[in-house]
Amino acid sequence: MAQENDPTQKFLEATERYQSLLQNLWKVVFKKVNSILRAMTSFLTKFIAQAKDLVATVGKAVVNKVVDIGQHIIRLITQIPNALKAALRFGKKIVALIKKATDPNAIISTLKKLFSRYVRMMQEIFGFISELLSDLDIIGTALSVVNTFKRVLQMMFSWIAEVTRANDAVVKSKRMLKKVVKEMKKEMKEAVKLRKEVMKLKIAA
């Protein structure tokens, strides 16, 4: 079948484009985000460990907010790179399937399942990144409150001084992630449209 008449080529091109996006997110963006957020996660780990001792000064509501959101951020920082790696592996299967096929008709059924799953994986990643951005917004506000007690708390906990670096890390990573969310939002709209298209593919008679 001529390439211009091959209905699977559109999905090969889309997958290769998404693979580049995911690769950039994993190898460039999240390596930077992880590096920037190291100061924040280090602070959060110490804060969570001594949360009970901080309640009297900072207040239970703020402490609970930092602990809850902090634990969720730490989970997401691990989840997102793992989800990116899994999606990249899955994308490779789609690329190999289409490139190796001598008869596009023979792979349409498999392509429908794989491409549909691939888009769902990307939606999950987009959801994780959006959650992280939202959590960073909340933790930034909570850390600003902790920062107002820094001078008092430093007398008991020397590591509290790290709150300034933790807050800076939140601001920098938020700036990066806002760009990612904006870019991914466009790509996800197109990917959902393509998922609908792939499900309509029919085997030629």
N, C-alpha and C. Protein backbone atom coordinates (compact mmCIF):
# COMPACT_ATOMS: atom_id res chain seq x y z
N MET A 1 0.86 -1.19 0.00
CA MET A 1 0.00 0.00 0.00
C MET A 1 0.89 1.24 0.00
N ALA A 2 0.58 2.20 -0.92
CA ALA A 2 1.36 3.44 -0.98
C ALA A 2 1.25 4.17 0.34
N GLN A 3 2.36 4.82 0.71
CA GLN A 3 2.40 5.47 2.03
C GLN A 3 1.29 6.51 2.19
N GLU A 4 0.99 7.25 1.07
CA GLU A 4 -0.04 8.29 1.18
C GLU A 4 -1.43 7.70 1.39
N ASN A 5 -1.61 6.42 1.03
CA ASN A 5 -2.91 5.74 1.23
C ASN A 5 -2.92 4.86 2.47
N ASP A 6 -1.84 4.91 3.24
CA ASP A 6 -1.73 4.07 4.45
C ASP A 6 -2.30 4.84 5.64
N PRO A 7 -3.44 4.40 6.16
CA PRO A 7 -4.08 5.14 7.26
C PRO A 7 -3.29 5.11 8.57
N THR A 8 -2.32 4.20 8.69
CA THR A 8 -1.56 4.09 9.95
C THR A 8 -0.43 5.13 10.04
N GLN A 9 -0.04 5.72 8.91
CA GLN A 9 1.09 6.66 8.90
C GLN A 9 0.83 7.89 9.76
N LYS A 10 -0.40 8.36 9.77
CA LYS A 10 -0.77 9.52 10.58
C LYS A 10 -0.48 9.26 12.06
N PHE A 11 -0.71 8.01 12.49
CA PHE A 11 -0.53 7.65 13.89
C PHE A 11 0.94 7.39 14.22
N LEU A 12 1.71 7.00 13.19
CA LEU A 12 3.16 6.87 13.35
C LEU A 12 3.76 8.25 13.58
N GLU A 13 3.39 9.21 12.74
CA GLU A 13 3.91 10.58 12.86
C GLU A 13 3.53 11.20 14.20
N ALA A 14 2.29 10.99 14.61
CA ALA A 14 1.82 11.54 15.90
C ALA A 14 2.59 10.91 17.06
N THR A 15 2.76 9.59 17.02
CA THR A 15 3.48 8.89 18.10
C THR A 15 4.91 9.36 18.19
N GLU A 16 5.57 9.53 17.04
CA GLU A 16 6.96 10.00 17.05
C GLU A 16 7.06 11.41 17.63
N ARG A 17 6.05 12.23 17.35
CA ARG A 17 6.03 13.58 17.90
C ARG A 17 5.84 13.54 19.42
N TYR A 18 4.93 12.68 19.86
CA TYR A 18 4.67 12.54 21.30
C TYR A 18 5.87 11.94 22.02
N GLN A 19 6.57 11.04 21.34
CA GLN A 19 7.77 10.43 21.93
C GLN A 19 8.83 11.50 22.19
N SER A 20 8.97 12.45 21.24
CA SER A 20 9.94 13.54 21.42
C SER A 20 9.55 14.41 22.61
N LEU A 21 8.25 14.67 22.74
CA LEU A 21 7.75 15.48 23.85
C LEU A 21 8.01 14.79 25.18
N LEU A 22 7.68 13.50 25.25
CA LEU A 22 7.86 12.73 26.49
C LEU A 22 9.34 12.60 26.85
N GLN A 23 10.17 12.38 25.83
CA GLN A 23 11.62 12.26 26.04
C GLN A 23 12.18 13.55 26.62
N ASN A 24 11.73 14.68 26.07
CA ASN A 24 12.17 15.98 26.57
C ASN A 24 11.71 16.21 28.02
N LEU A 25 10.48 15.80 28.31
CA LEU A 25 9.95 15.93 29.67
C LEU A 25 10.78 15.12 30.65
N TRP A 26 11.12 13.89 30.26
CA TRP A 26 11.85 12.99 31.16
C TRP A 26 13.31 13.40 31.30
N LYS A 27 13.99 13.56 30.16
CA LYS A 27 15.45 13.77 30.18
C LYS A 27 15.87 15.21 30.50
N VAL A 28 15.01 16.18 30.14
CA VAL A 28 15.41 17.58 30.33
C VAL A 28 14.59 18.24 31.44
N VAL A 29 13.27 18.36 31.22
CA VAL A 29 12.43 19.12 32.14
C VAL A 29 12.45 18.54 33.55
N PHE A 30 12.15 17.22 33.68
CA PHE A 30 12.04 16.68 35.03
C PHE A 30 13.37 16.44 35.72
N LYS A 31 14.44 16.36 34.94
CA LYS A 31 15.76 16.32 35.57
C LYS A 31 16.04 17.66 36.23
N LYS A 32 15.65 18.74 35.53
CA LYS A 32 15.84 20.09 36.09
C LYS A 32 14.91 20.31 37.28
N VAL A 33 13.64 19.92 37.11
CA VAL A 33 12.65 20.10 38.19
C VAL A 33 13.09 19.34 39.44
N ASN A 34 13.52 18.08 39.25
CA ASN A 34 13.99 17.27 40.39
C ASN A 34 15.18 17.92 41.08
N SER A 35 16.09 18.46 40.27
CA SER A 35 17.28 19.10 40.82
C SER A 35 16.90 20.36 41.61
N ILE A 36 15.98 21.16 41.04
CA ILE A 36 15.53 22.38 41.72
C ILE A 36 14.79 22.04 43.01
N LEU A 37 13.91 21.03 42.93
CA LEU A 37 13.06 20.69 44.08
C LEU A 37 13.78 19.92 45.19
N ARG A 38 15.03 19.56 44.95
CA ARG A 38 15.78 18.83 45.98
C ARG A 38 15.85 19.62 47.29
N ALA A 39 16.02 20.94 47.18
CA ALA A 39 16.07 21.79 48.38
C ALA A 39 14.74 21.74 49.12
N MET A 40 13.63 21.69 48.34
CA MET A 40 12.31 21.66 48.96
C MET A 40 12.02 20.29 49.60
N THR A 41 12.35 19.21 48.89
CA THR A 41 12.07 17.87 49.43
C THR A 41 12.92 17.58 50.67
N SER A 42 14.15 18.11 50.67
CA SER A 42 15.02 17.95 51.84
C SER A 42 14.39 18.66 53.05
N PHE A 43 13.90 19.87 52.82
CA PHE A 43 13.24 20.63 53.89
C PHE A 43 11.97 19.92 54.35
N LEU A 44 11.16 19.44 53.39
CA LEU A 44 9.90 18.77 53.73
C LEU A 44 10.12 17.51 54.55
N THR A 45 11.16 16.76 54.21
CA THR A 45 11.47 15.52 54.94
C THR A 45 11.75 15.83 56.41
N LYS A 46 12.51 16.89 56.65
CA LYS A 46 12.82 17.30 58.04
C LYS A 46 11.56 17.84 58.73
N PHE A 47 10.79 18.61 57.99
CA PHE A 47 9.57 19.20 58.54
C PHE A 47 8.59 18.11 58.95
N ILE A 48 8.39 17.13 58.06
CA ILE A 48 7.45 16.03 58.33
C ILE A 48 7.90 15.23 59.56
N ALA A 49 9.22 14.99 59.67
CA ALA A 49 9.77 14.22 60.79
C ALA A 49 9.53 14.90 62.14
N GLN A 50 9.50 16.24 62.13
CA GLN A 50 9.35 16.97 63.40
C GLN A 50 8.05 17.79 63.46
N ALA A 51 7.08 17.38 62.66
CA ALA A 51 5.82 18.12 62.55
C ALA A 51 5.15 18.38 63.90
N LYS A 52 5.11 17.37 64.77
CA LYS A 52 4.43 17.51 66.08
C LYS A 52 5.04 18.62 66.92
N ASP A 53 6.36 18.77 66.81
CA ASP A 53 7.06 19.78 67.61
C ASP A 53 6.85 21.20 67.08
N LEU A 54 6.35 21.30 65.84
CA LEU A 54 6.18 22.62 65.22
C LEU A 54 4.78 23.21 65.41
N VAL A 55 3.84 22.34 65.80
CA VAL A 55 2.43 22.75 65.93
C VAL A 55 2.25 23.95 66.86
N ALA A 56 2.90 23.93 68.01
CA ALA A 56 2.73 24.99 69.02
C ALA A 56 3.07 26.37 68.47
N THR A 57 4.08 26.43 67.60
CA THR A 57 4.51 27.74 67.07
C THR A 57 3.78 28.11 65.77
N VAL A 58 3.72 27.17 64.86
CA VAL A 58 3.20 27.46 63.52
C VAL A 58 1.67 27.31 63.44
N GLY A 59 1.14 26.40 64.24
CA GLY A 59 -0.31 26.14 64.19
C GLY A 59 -0.60 24.82 63.48
N LYS A 60 -1.59 24.09 63.99
CA LYS A 60 -1.90 22.76 63.47
C LYS A 60 -2.33 22.77 62.01
N ALA A 61 -3.13 23.76 61.62
CA ALA A 61 -3.65 23.81 60.24
C ALA A 61 -2.51 23.94 59.23
N VAL A 62 -1.56 24.82 59.51
CA VAL A 62 -0.42 25.02 58.58
C VAL A 62 0.47 23.79 58.55
N VAL A 63 0.77 23.24 59.71
CA VAL A 63 1.62 22.05 59.79
C VAL A 63 0.98 20.90 59.02
N ASN A 64 -0.32 20.66 59.25
CA ASN A 64 -1.02 19.58 58.55
C ASN A 64 -1.01 19.78 57.04
N LYS A 65 -1.17 21.04 56.62
CA LYS A 65 -1.17 21.36 55.18
C LYS A 65 0.19 21.05 54.58
N VAL A 66 1.26 21.47 55.24
CA VAL A 66 2.62 21.22 54.74
C VAL A 66 2.89 19.71 54.67
N VAL A 67 2.48 18.98 55.72
CA VAL A 67 2.71 17.53 55.77
C VAL A 67 1.93 16.82 54.67
N ASP A 68 0.63 17.09 54.57
CA ASP A 68 -0.21 16.40 53.57
C ASP A 68 0.22 16.68 52.14
N ILE A 69 0.35 17.98 51.83
CA ILE A 69 0.73 18.36 50.45
C ILE A 69 2.17 17.95 50.18
N GLY A 70 3.03 18.09 51.20
CA GLY A 70 4.44 17.71 51.04
C GLY A 70 4.61 16.24 50.70
N GLN A 71 3.87 15.38 51.39
CA GLN A 71 3.95 13.94 51.11
C GLN A 71 3.45 13.63 49.70
N HIS A 72 2.39 14.35 49.29
CA HIS A 72 1.85 14.13 47.94
C HIS A 72 2.84 14.58 46.87
N ILE A 73 3.50 15.71 47.11
CA ILE A 73 4.52 16.21 46.16
C ILE A 73 5.66 15.20 46.03
N ILE A 74 6.13 14.69 47.16
CA ILE A 74 7.24 13.72 47.15
C ILE A 74 6.85 12.47 46.34
N ARG A 75 5.59 12.04 46.48
CA ARG A 75 5.10 10.88 45.70
C ARG A 75 5.07 11.20 44.20
N LEU A 76 4.55 12.39 43.87
CA LEU A 76 4.43 12.78 42.46
C LEU A 76 5.80 12.91 41.78
N ILE A 77 6.78 13.41 42.52
CA ILE A 77 8.13 13.58 41.97
C ILE A 77 8.71 12.22 41.54
N THR A 78 8.30 11.16 42.22
CA THR A 78 8.73 9.80 41.83
C THR A 78 7.83 9.24 40.74
N GLN A 79 6.53 9.48 40.88
CA GLN A 79 5.55 8.93 39.94
C GLN A 79 5.72 9.43 38.52
N ILE A 80 5.95 10.74 38.37
CA ILE A 80 5.99 11.33 37.02
C ILE A 80 7.10 10.75 36.15
N PRO A 81 8.38 10.71 36.60
CA PRO A 81 9.41 10.10 35.74
C PRO A 81 9.11 8.63 35.42
N ASN A 82 8.57 7.88 36.39
CA ASN A 82 8.22 6.47 36.13
C ASN A 82 7.13 6.35 35.06
N ALA A 83 6.14 7.25 35.14
CA ALA A 83 5.05 7.25 34.16
C ALA A 83 5.57 7.64 32.78
N LEU A 84 6.51 8.59 32.74
CA LEU A 84 7.12 9.00 31.47
C LEU A 84 7.89 7.85 30.83
N LYS A 85 8.67 7.13 31.63
CA LYS A 85 9.44 5.99 31.11
C LYS A 85 8.52 4.90 30.57
N ALA A 86 7.43 4.64 31.29
CA ALA A 86 6.47 3.61 30.87
C ALA A 86 5.80 4.01 29.55
N ALA A 87 5.43 5.28 29.41
CA ALA A 87 4.80 5.75 28.18
C ALA A 87 5.78 5.71 27.00
N LEU A 88 7.04 6.04 27.26
CA LEU A 88 8.05 5.98 26.20
C LEU A 88 8.25 4.56 25.70
N ARG A 89 8.26 3.60 26.64
CA ARG A 89 8.40 2.19 26.25
C ARG A 89 7.20 1.77 25.39
N PHE A 90 6.01 2.22 25.80
CA PHE A 90 4.79 1.88 25.09
C PHE A 90 4.77 2.50 23.70
N GLY A 91 5.23 3.76 23.62
CA GLY A 91 5.29 4.45 22.33
C GLY A 91 6.21 3.74 21.35
N LYS A 92 7.32 3.19 21.86
CA LYS A 92 8.26 2.44 21.00
C LYS A 92 7.57 1.24 20.35
N LYS A 93 6.66 0.61 21.10
CA LYS A 93 5.92 -0.54 20.56
C LYS A 93 5.06 -0.12 19.37
N ILE A 94 4.43 1.05 19.49
CA ILE A 94 3.56 1.54 18.40
C ILE A 94 4.39 1.86 17.16
N VAL A 95 5.51 2.56 17.37
CA VAL A 95 6.40 2.92 16.26
C VAL A 95 6.90 1.65 15.55
N ALA A 96 7.36 0.66 16.34
CA ALA A 96 7.86 -0.59 15.76
C ALA A 96 6.75 -1.34 15.02
N LEU A 97 5.56 -1.38 15.59
CA LEU A 97 4.42 -2.07 14.98
C LEU A 97 4.12 -1.51 13.59
N ILE A 98 4.05 -0.18 13.49
CA ILE A 98 3.70 0.45 12.21
C ILE A 98 4.84 0.33 11.20
N LYS A 99 6.07 0.54 11.65
CA LYS A 99 7.22 0.50 10.73
C LYS A 99 7.48 -0.90 10.18
N LYS A 100 7.22 -1.91 10.99
CA LYS A 100 7.49 -3.29 10.55
C LYS A 100 6.36 -3.89 9.72
N ALA A 101 5.20 -3.26 9.76
CA ALA A 101 4.03 -3.84 9.08
C ALA A 101 4.17 -3.77 7.56
N THR A 102 3.98 -4.90 6.91
CA THR A 102 3.99 -4.92 5.44
C THR A 102 2.57 -4.69 4.91
N ASP A 103 1.59 -5.02 5.75
CA ASP A 103 0.19 -4.80 5.38
C ASP A 103 -0.49 -4.04 6.53
N PRO A 104 -0.78 -2.74 6.32
CA PRO A 104 -1.40 -1.93 7.38
C PRO A 104 -2.71 -2.53 7.91
N ASN A 105 -3.45 -3.21 7.03
CA ASN A 105 -4.71 -3.83 7.45
C ASN A 105 -4.52 -4.83 8.58
N ALA A 106 -3.36 -5.49 8.55
CA ALA A 106 -3.09 -6.55 9.52
C ALA A 106 -2.84 -6.01 10.94
N ILE A 107 -2.53 -4.73 11.04
CA ILE A 107 -2.19 -4.18 12.38
C ILE A 107 -3.26 -3.23 12.93
N ILE A 108 -4.30 -2.96 12.17
CA ILE A 108 -5.29 -1.97 12.60
C ILE A 108 -5.92 -2.31 13.95
N SER A 109 -6.28 -3.55 14.14
CA SER A 109 -6.91 -3.97 15.40
C SER A 109 -5.96 -3.74 16.60
N THR A 110 -4.69 -4.13 16.43
CA THR A 110 -3.69 -3.96 17.49
C THR A 110 -3.38 -2.48 17.70
N LEU A 111 -3.30 -1.73 16.60
CA LEU A 111 -3.01 -0.29 16.68
C LEU A 111 -4.08 0.45 17.48
N LYS A 112 -5.32 0.07 17.29
CA LYS A 112 -6.42 0.70 18.03
C LYS A 112 -6.21 0.56 19.54
N LYS A 113 -5.89 -0.66 19.96
CA LYS A 113 -5.69 -0.92 21.40
C LYS A 113 -4.47 -0.18 21.93
N LEU A 114 -3.35 -0.27 21.19
CA LEU A 114 -2.10 0.34 21.66
C LEU A 114 -2.17 1.86 21.69
N PHE A 115 -2.68 2.45 20.61
CA PHE A 115 -2.70 3.92 20.54
C PHE A 115 -3.67 4.49 21.58
N SER A 116 -4.79 3.81 21.75
CA SER A 116 -5.77 4.26 22.75
C SER A 116 -5.16 4.23 24.15
N ARG A 117 -4.44 3.16 24.47
CA ARG A 117 -3.77 3.03 25.77
C ARG A 117 -2.68 4.09 25.93
N TYR A 118 -1.94 4.34 24.86
CA TYR A 118 -0.86 5.33 24.86
C TYR A 118 -1.39 6.72 25.20
N VAL A 119 -2.52 7.09 24.59
CA VAL A 119 -3.13 8.40 24.87
C VAL A 119 -3.58 8.48 26.32
N ARG A 120 -4.14 7.39 26.82
CA ARG A 120 -4.56 7.38 28.24
C ARG A 120 -3.36 7.56 29.17
N MET A 121 -2.23 6.95 28.80
CA MET A 121 -1.01 7.11 29.61
C MET A 121 -0.55 8.57 29.61
N MET A 122 -0.63 9.21 28.44
CA MET A 122 -0.24 10.62 28.36
C MET A 122 -1.21 11.50 29.16
N GLN A 123 -2.48 11.16 29.14
CA GLN A 123 -3.46 11.90 29.94
C GLN A 123 -3.16 11.78 31.43
N GLU A 124 -2.73 10.58 31.82
CA GLU A 124 -2.37 10.36 33.22
C GLU A 124 -1.17 11.22 33.61
N ILE A 125 -0.17 11.28 32.72
CA ILE A 125 1.02 12.10 32.97
C ILE A 125 0.64 13.57 33.07
N PHE A 126 -0.22 14.02 32.16
CA PHE A 126 -0.69 15.40 32.18
C PHE A 126 -1.41 15.70 33.50
N GLY A 127 -2.19 14.72 33.96
CA GLY A 127 -2.89 14.86 35.24
C GLY A 127 -1.92 14.97 36.41
N PHE A 128 -0.88 14.13 36.40
CA PHE A 128 0.14 14.17 37.46
C PHE A 128 0.85 15.54 37.50
N ILE A 129 1.23 16.03 36.30
CA ILE A 129 1.96 17.30 36.22
C ILE A 129 1.06 18.46 36.68
N SER A 130 -0.20 18.42 36.27
CA SER A 130 -1.16 19.46 36.70
C SER A 130 -1.35 19.43 38.22
N GLU A 131 -1.40 18.21 38.78
CA GLU A 131 -1.52 18.05 40.24
C GLU A 131 -0.30 18.64 40.95
N LEU A 132 0.88 18.33 40.40
CA LEU A 132 2.12 18.83 41.01
C LEU A 132 2.14 20.35 41.00
N LEU A 133 1.74 20.95 39.89
CA LEU A 133 1.70 22.40 39.80
C LEU A 133 0.73 22.99 40.83
N SER A 134 -0.43 22.36 40.96
CA SER A 134 -1.43 22.81 41.94
C SER A 134 -0.90 22.66 43.37
N ASP A 135 -0.25 21.52 43.64
CA ASP A 135 0.33 21.28 44.98
C ASP A 135 1.42 22.28 45.33
N LEU A 136 2.22 22.64 44.32
CA LEU A 136 3.30 23.61 44.55
C LEU A 136 2.74 24.98 44.88
N ASP A 137 1.60 25.29 44.28
CA ASP A 137 0.91 26.55 44.61
C ASP A 137 0.53 26.58 46.09
N ILE A 138 -0.06 25.47 46.54
CA ILE A 138 -0.53 25.36 47.93
C ILE A 138 0.66 25.36 48.91
N ILE A 139 1.68 24.55 48.57
CA ILE A 139 2.83 24.44 49.49
C ILE A 139 3.58 25.77 49.56
N GLY A 140 3.61 26.51 48.45
CA GLY A 140 4.27 27.81 48.44
C GLY A 140 3.65 28.77 49.44
N THR A 141 2.31 28.76 49.48
CA THR A 141 1.58 29.61 50.44
C THR A 141 1.88 29.17 51.87
N ALA A 142 1.83 27.85 52.10
CA ALA A 142 2.08 27.31 53.45
C ALA A 142 3.50 27.60 53.91
N LEU A 143 4.47 27.47 53.01
CA LEU A 143 5.87 27.74 53.38
C LEU A 143 6.09 29.21 53.68
N SER A 144 5.34 30.07 53.01
CA SER A 144 5.43 31.52 53.29
C SER A 144 5.00 31.80 54.73
N VAL A 145 3.98 31.06 55.19
CA VAL A 145 3.52 31.21 56.59
C VAL A 145 4.62 30.73 57.54
N VAL A 146 5.20 29.56 57.23
CA VAL A 146 6.30 29.01 58.06
C VAL A 146 7.45 30.02 58.12
N ASN A 147 7.72 30.65 56.98
CA ASN A 147 8.82 31.62 56.88
C ASN A 147 8.66 32.80 57.85
N THR A 148 7.41 33.15 58.14
CA THR A 148 7.18 34.27 59.08
C THR A 148 7.61 33.92 60.51
N PHE A 149 7.70 32.60 60.79
CA PHE A 149 8.12 32.14 62.13
C PHE A 149 9.58 31.70 62.15
N LYS A 150 10.28 31.94 61.03
CA LYS A 150 11.64 31.42 60.88
C LYS A 150 12.58 31.81 62.03
N ARG A 151 12.57 33.07 62.41
CA ARG A 151 13.49 33.55 63.44
C ARG A 151 13.26 32.83 64.78
N VAL A 152 11.99 32.67 65.15
CA VAL A 152 11.65 32.00 66.42
C VAL A 152 12.01 30.52 66.34
N LEU A 153 11.64 29.89 65.22
CA LEU A 153 11.84 28.44 65.07
C LEU A 153 13.32 28.06 64.98
N GLN A 154 14.14 28.95 64.42
CA GLN A 154 15.57 28.65 64.27
C GLN A 154 16.27 28.44 65.61
N MET A 155 15.73 28.99 66.66
CA MET A 155 16.32 28.79 67.99
C MET A 155 16.22 27.33 68.42
N MET A 156 15.15 26.67 67.92
CA MET A 156 14.94 25.25 68.27
C MET A 156 15.34 24.30 67.16
N PHE A 157 15.16 24.75 65.92
CA PHE A 157 15.44 23.89 64.76
C PHE A 157 16.30 24.66 63.75
N SER A 158 17.57 24.36 63.71
CA SER A 158 18.48 25.11 62.83
C SER A 158 18.13 24.93 61.34
N TRP A 159 17.59 23.77 60.99
CA TRP A 159 17.26 23.47 59.60
C TRP A 159 16.11 24.33 59.05
N ILE A 160 15.36 25.00 59.93
CA ILE A 160 14.25 25.86 59.49
C ILE A 160 14.75 26.95 58.54
N ALA A 161 16.02 27.33 58.66
CA ALA A 161 16.61 28.34 57.76
C ALA A 161 16.48 27.94 56.30
N GLU A 162 16.36 26.62 56.05
CA GLU A 162 16.26 26.11 54.67
C GLU A 162 14.93 26.45 54.01
N VAL A 163 13.97 26.98 54.77
CA VAL A 163 12.64 27.30 54.22
C VAL A 163 12.75 28.31 53.08
N THR A 164 13.73 29.21 53.15
CA THR A 164 13.90 30.22 52.09
C THR A 164 14.28 29.55 50.78
N ARG A 165 15.24 28.63 50.84
CA ARG A 165 15.66 27.89 49.64
C ARG A 165 14.53 27.01 49.12
N ALA A 166 13.77 26.43 50.05
CA ALA A 166 12.63 25.57 49.67
C ALA A 166 11.59 26.40 48.90
N ASN A 167 11.32 27.59 49.40
CA ASN A 167 10.36 28.48 48.75
C ASN A 167 10.83 28.93 47.38
N ASP A 168 12.12 29.23 47.26
CA ASP A 168 12.72 29.62 45.96
C ASP A 168 12.57 28.48 44.96
N ALA A 169 12.77 27.25 45.44
CA ALA A 169 12.66 26.06 44.58
C ALA A 169 11.23 25.92 44.05
N VAL A 170 10.26 26.19 44.91
CA VAL A 170 8.85 26.13 44.52
C VAL A 170 8.57 27.13 43.40
N VAL A 171 9.04 28.35 43.56
CA VAL A 171 8.80 29.41 42.57
C VAL A 171 9.42 29.05 41.22
N LYS A 172 10.68 28.58 41.23
CA LYS A 172 11.38 28.23 39.99
C LYS A 172 10.71 27.06 39.27
N SER A 173 10.37 26.02 40.02
CA SER A 173 9.77 24.83 39.40
C SER A 173 8.37 25.13 38.87
N LYS A 174 7.62 25.99 39.57
CA LYS A 174 6.29 26.38 39.10
C LYS A 174 6.39 27.07 37.74
N ARG A 175 7.39 27.93 37.61
CA ARG A 175 7.60 28.65 36.35
C ARG A 175 7.81 27.67 35.19
N MET A 176 8.62 26.65 35.44
CA MET A 176 8.90 25.64 34.41
C MET A 176 7.65 24.81 34.09
N LEU A 177 6.96 24.38 35.13
CA LEU A 177 5.81 23.50 34.95
C LEU A 177 4.62 24.19 34.29
N LYS A 178 4.49 25.48 34.50
CA LYS A 178 3.40 26.23 33.83
C LYS A 178 3.57 26.16 32.32
N LYS A 179 4.81 26.27 31.85
CA LYS A 179 5.09 26.17 30.40
C LYS A 179 4.76 24.77 29.90
N VAL A 180 5.12 23.75 30.69
CA VAL A 180 4.87 22.35 30.32
C VAL A 180 3.36 22.10 30.20
N VAL A 181 2.61 22.55 31.19
CA VAL A 181 1.15 22.34 31.20
C VAL A 181 0.51 23.01 29.99
N LYS A 182 0.97 24.22 29.67
CA LYS A 182 0.43 24.95 28.52
C LYS A 182 0.68 24.19 27.22
N GLU A 183 1.91 23.68 27.06
CA GLU A 183 2.27 22.93 25.86
C GLU A 183 1.51 21.60 25.79
N MET A 184 1.46 20.91 26.91
CA MET A 184 0.80 19.60 26.93
C MET A 184 -0.70 19.69 26.72
N LYS A 185 -1.30 20.78 27.16
CA LYS A 185 -2.74 20.96 27.01
C LYS A 185 -3.12 20.92 25.53
N LYS A 186 -2.32 21.60 24.71
CA LYS A 186 -2.56 21.60 23.25
C LYS A 186 -2.37 20.21 22.68
N GLU A 187 -1.28 19.55 23.08
CA GLU A 187 -0.97 18.22 22.56
C GLU A 187 -2.03 17.21 22.97
N MET A 188 -2.53 17.31 24.19
CA MET A 188 -3.53 16.36 24.68
C MET A 188 -4.85 16.51 23.93
N LYS A 189 -5.19 17.73 23.57
CA LYS A 189 -6.41 17.97 22.80
C LYS A 189 -6.33 17.24 21.46
N GLU A 190 -5.15 17.37 20.82
CA GLU A 190 -4.92 16.70 19.53
C GLU A 190 -4.88 15.18 19.71
N ALA A 191 -4.24 14.70 20.78
CA ALA A 191 -4.11 13.25 21.03
C ALA A 191 -5.48 12.60 21.25
N VAL A 192 -6.36 13.27 21.98
CA VAL A 192 -7.72 12.75 22.23
C VAL A 192 -8.48 12.66 20.91
N LYS A 193 -8.29 13.68 20.06
CA LYS A 193 -8.94 13.69 18.74
C LYS A 193 -8.43 12.50 17.90
N LEU A 194 -7.12 12.26 17.95
CA LEU A 194 -6.53 11.14 17.20
C LEU A 194 -6.98 9.79 17.74
N ARG A 195 -7.18 9.71 19.06
CA ARG A 195 -7.66 8.45 19.64
C ARG A 195 -9.04 8.12 19.08
N LYS A 196 -9.88 9.13 18.93
CA LYS A 196 -11.21 8.91 18.34
C LYS A 196 -11.09 8.46 16.88
N GLU A 197 -10.12 9.07 16.19
CA GLU A 197 -9.91 8.73 14.77
C GLU A 197 -9.41 7.28 14.61
N VAL A 198 -8.48 6.88 15.46
CA VAL A 198 -7.93 5.53 15.34
C VAL A 198 -9.01 4.48 15.58
N MET A 199 -9.93 4.78 16.47
CA MET A 199 -11.01 3.82 16.77
C MET A 199 -11.99 3.67 15.61
N LYS A 200 -11.97 4.65 14.67
CA LYS A 200 -12.85 4.59 13.50
C LYS A 200 -12.21 3.89 12.29
N LEU A 201 -10.90 3.56 12.42
CA LEU A 201 -10.22 2.90 11.30
C LEU A 201 -10.89 1.58 10.96
N LYS A 202 -11.02 1.35 9.66
CA LYS A 202 -11.63 0.10 9.21
C LYS A 202 -10.65 -0.66 8.33
N ILE A 203 -10.71 -1.97 8.40
CA ILE A 203 -9.85 -2.81 7.56
C ILE A 203 -10.38 -2.74 6.14
N ALA A 204 -9.48 -2.37 5.20
CA ALA A 204 -9.87 -2.26 3.80
C ALA A 204 -10.24 -3.63 3.22
N ALA A 205 -11.25 -3.63 2.39
CA ALA A 205 -11.71 -4.90 1.78
C ALA A 205 -10.73 -5.35 0.72
